Amino acid sequence: MATTNIKAVIPAELRKVWDFVLDIENYGNWRSDLSKTEVISDKQFIEYTKDW
């Protein structure tokens, strides 16, 4: 399993950043490695990489 650590300072309210990061259906807007995501349930989702 690959591990990546990236740090950034984001000039925004913590709650807005957290809501943005948790918005699974919009992962493709900031995750350049994904082609799409599929929500299975409230607790499960599938990420499809561009290599798929």
N, C-alpha and C. Protein backbone atom coordinates (compact mmCIF):
# COMPACT_ATOMS: atom_id res chain seq x y z
N MET A 1 0.85 -1.18 0.00
CA MET A 1 0.00 0.00 0.00
C MET A 1 0.89 1.23 0.00
N ALA A 2 0.56 2.16 -0.87
CA ALA A 2 1.30 3.41 -0.95
C ALA A 2 0.81 4.39 0.10
N THR A 3 1.72 5.18 0.62
CA THR A 3 1.37 6.19 1.60
C THR A 3 1.91 7.53 1.13
N THR A 4 1.08 8.56 1.23
CA THR A 4 1.48 9.90 0.83
C THR A 4 1.16 10.87 1.95
N ASN A 5 2.05 11.79 2.20
CA ASN A 5 1.83 12.85 3.18
C ASN A 5 2.00 14.19 2.48
N ILE A 6 0.94 14.99 2.50
CA ILE A 6 0.98 16.31 1.89
C ILE A 6 0.43 17.30 2.90
N LYS A 7 1.11 18.42 3.04
CA LYS A 7 0.66 19.45 3.96
C LYS A 7 0.40 20.73 3.18
N ALA A 8 -0.66 21.44 3.57
CA ALA A 8 -0.98 22.71 2.93
C ALA A 8 -1.72 23.59 3.92
N VAL A 9 -1.57 24.87 3.77
CA VAL A 9 -2.32 25.84 4.55
C VAL A 9 -3.44 26.35 3.65
N ILE A 10 -4.67 26.18 4.11
CA ILE A 10 -5.83 26.58 3.32
C ILE A 10 -6.52 27.74 4.03
N PRO A 11 -6.56 28.90 3.39
CA PRO A 11 -7.13 30.07 4.04
C PRO A 11 -8.66 30.06 4.00
N ALA A 12 -9.26 29.18 4.79
CA ALA A 12 -10.72 29.06 4.83
C ALA A 12 -11.14 28.52 6.19
N GLU A 13 -12.41 28.63 6.47
CA GLU A 13 -12.94 28.11 7.73
C GLU A 13 -12.82 26.59 7.73
N LEU A 14 -12.44 26.04 8.86
CA LEU A 14 -12.24 24.60 8.99
C LEU A 14 -13.47 23.82 8.55
N ARG A 15 -14.64 24.23 8.95
CA ARG A 15 -15.87 23.50 8.62
C ARG A 15 -16.10 23.44 7.10
N LYS A 16 -15.83 24.54 6.40
CA LYS A 16 -16.01 24.56 4.95
C LYS A 16 -15.02 23.61 4.27
N VAL A 17 -13.79 23.59 4.75
CA VAL A 17 -12.78 22.69 4.19
C VAL A 17 -13.18 21.24 4.45
N TRP A 18 -13.61 20.94 5.66
CA TRP A 18 -14.00 19.58 6.03
C TRP A 18 -15.19 19.11 5.18
N ASP A 19 -16.19 19.95 5.00
CA ASP A 19 -17.35 19.61 4.17
C ASP A 19 -16.93 19.34 2.73
N PHE A 20 -16.00 20.13 2.23
CA PHE A 20 -15.50 19.96 0.87
C PHE A 20 -14.78 18.62 0.70
N VAL A 21 -13.93 18.28 1.66
CA VAL A 21 -13.17 17.03 1.61
C VAL A 21 -14.09 15.82 1.72
N LEU A 22 -15.18 15.94 2.46
CA LEU A 22 -16.10 14.83 2.64
C LEU A 22 -17.14 14.69 1.53
N ASP A 23 -17.16 15.60 0.59
CA ASP A 23 -18.12 15.57 -0.51
C ASP A 23 -17.65 14.56 -1.57
N ILE A 24 -17.95 13.30 -1.34
CA ILE A 24 -17.45 12.19 -2.16
C ILE A 24 -17.78 12.36 -3.64
N GLU A 25 -18.97 12.80 -3.94
CA GLU A 25 -19.39 12.92 -5.33
C GLU A 25 -18.59 13.97 -6.10
N ASN A 26 -17.89 14.85 -5.40
CA ASN A 26 -17.08 15.86 -6.07
C ASN A 26 -15.58 15.64 -5.89
N TYR A 27 -15.17 14.44 -5.52
CA TYR A 27 -13.74 14.13 -5.37
C TYR A 27 -12.97 14.45 -6.64
N GLY A 28 -13.57 14.20 -7.79
CA GLY A 28 -12.89 14.44 -9.06
C GLY A 28 -12.49 15.88 -9.28
N ASN A 29 -13.11 16.80 -8.55
CA ASN A 29 -12.76 18.23 -8.69
C ASN A 29 -11.41 18.56 -8.08
N TRP A 30 -10.95 17.73 -7.15
CA TRP A 30 -9.66 18.02 -6.51
C TRP A 30 -8.74 16.81 -6.45
N ARG A 31 -9.22 15.64 -6.84
CA ARG A 31 -8.40 14.43 -6.89
C ARG A 31 -8.09 14.11 -8.34
N SER A 32 -6.94 14.51 -8.81
CA SER A 32 -6.58 14.34 -10.22
C SER A 32 -6.36 12.88 -10.61
N ASP A 33 -6.22 11.98 -9.63
CA ASP A 33 -5.99 10.57 -9.93
C ASP A 33 -7.28 9.78 -10.16
N LEU A 34 -8.45 10.39 -9.93
CA LEU A 34 -9.71 9.68 -10.04
C LEU A 34 -10.45 10.01 -11.33
N SER A 35 -11.11 8.99 -11.88
CA SER A 35 -11.99 9.24 -13.01
C SER A 35 -13.42 9.43 -12.54
N LYS A 36 -13.80 8.72 -11.45
CA LYS A 36 -15.13 8.90 -10.86
C LYS A 36 -15.20 8.22 -9.50
N THR A 37 -16.27 8.52 -8.78
CA THR A 37 -16.57 7.84 -7.52
C THR A 37 -18.00 7.34 -7.59
N GLU A 38 -18.26 6.27 -6.89
CA GLU A 38 -19.60 5.69 -6.85
C GLU A 38 -20.00 5.48 -5.39
N VAL A 39 -21.05 6.14 -4.95
CA VAL A 39 -21.53 6.01 -3.58
C VAL A 39 -22.40 4.76 -3.49
N ILE A 40 -22.02 3.84 -2.60
CA ILE A 40 -22.74 2.59 -2.41
C ILE A 40 -23.78 2.73 -1.29
N SER A 41 -23.38 3.38 -0.20
CA SER A 41 -24.26 3.60 0.94
C SER A 41 -23.73 4.79 1.73
N ASP A 42 -24.32 5.05 2.88
CA ASP A 42 -23.86 6.16 3.73
C ASP A 42 -22.43 5.95 4.22
N LYS A 43 -21.97 4.69 4.23
CA LYS A 43 -20.65 4.38 4.78
C LYS A 43 -19.70 3.76 3.76
N GLN A 44 -20.13 3.59 2.52
CA GLN A 44 -19.27 2.94 1.54
C GLN A 44 -19.31 3.67 0.20
N PHE A 45 -18.16 3.72 -0.44
CA PHE A 45 -18.07 4.27 -1.78
C PHE A 45 -16.90 3.62 -2.49
N ILE A 46 -16.89 3.71 -3.81
CA ILE A 46 -15.82 3.15 -4.63
C ILE A 46 -15.14 4.29 -5.38
N GLU A 47 -13.81 4.28 -5.37
CA GLU A 47 -13.04 5.24 -6.14
C GLU A 47 -12.50 4.53 -7.37
N TYR A 48 -12.67 5.12 -8.55
CA TYR A 48 -12.13 4.58 -9.79
C TYR A 48 -11.00 5.48 -10.23
N THR A 49 -9.83 4.88 -10.37
CA THR A 49 -8.68 5.66 -10.83
C THR A 49 -8.74 5.81 -12.34
N LYS A 50 -7.97 6.72 -12.87
CA LYS A 50 -7.94 6.94 -14.31
C LYS A 50 -7.30 5.76 -15.05
N ASP A 51 -6.60 4.91 -14.33
CA ASP A 51 -5.98 3.73 -14.92
C ASP A 51 -6.97 2.61 -15.14
N TRP A 52 -8.16 2.69 -14.59
CA TRP A 52 -9.17 1.62 -14.70
C TRP A 52 -9.86 1.67 -16.00
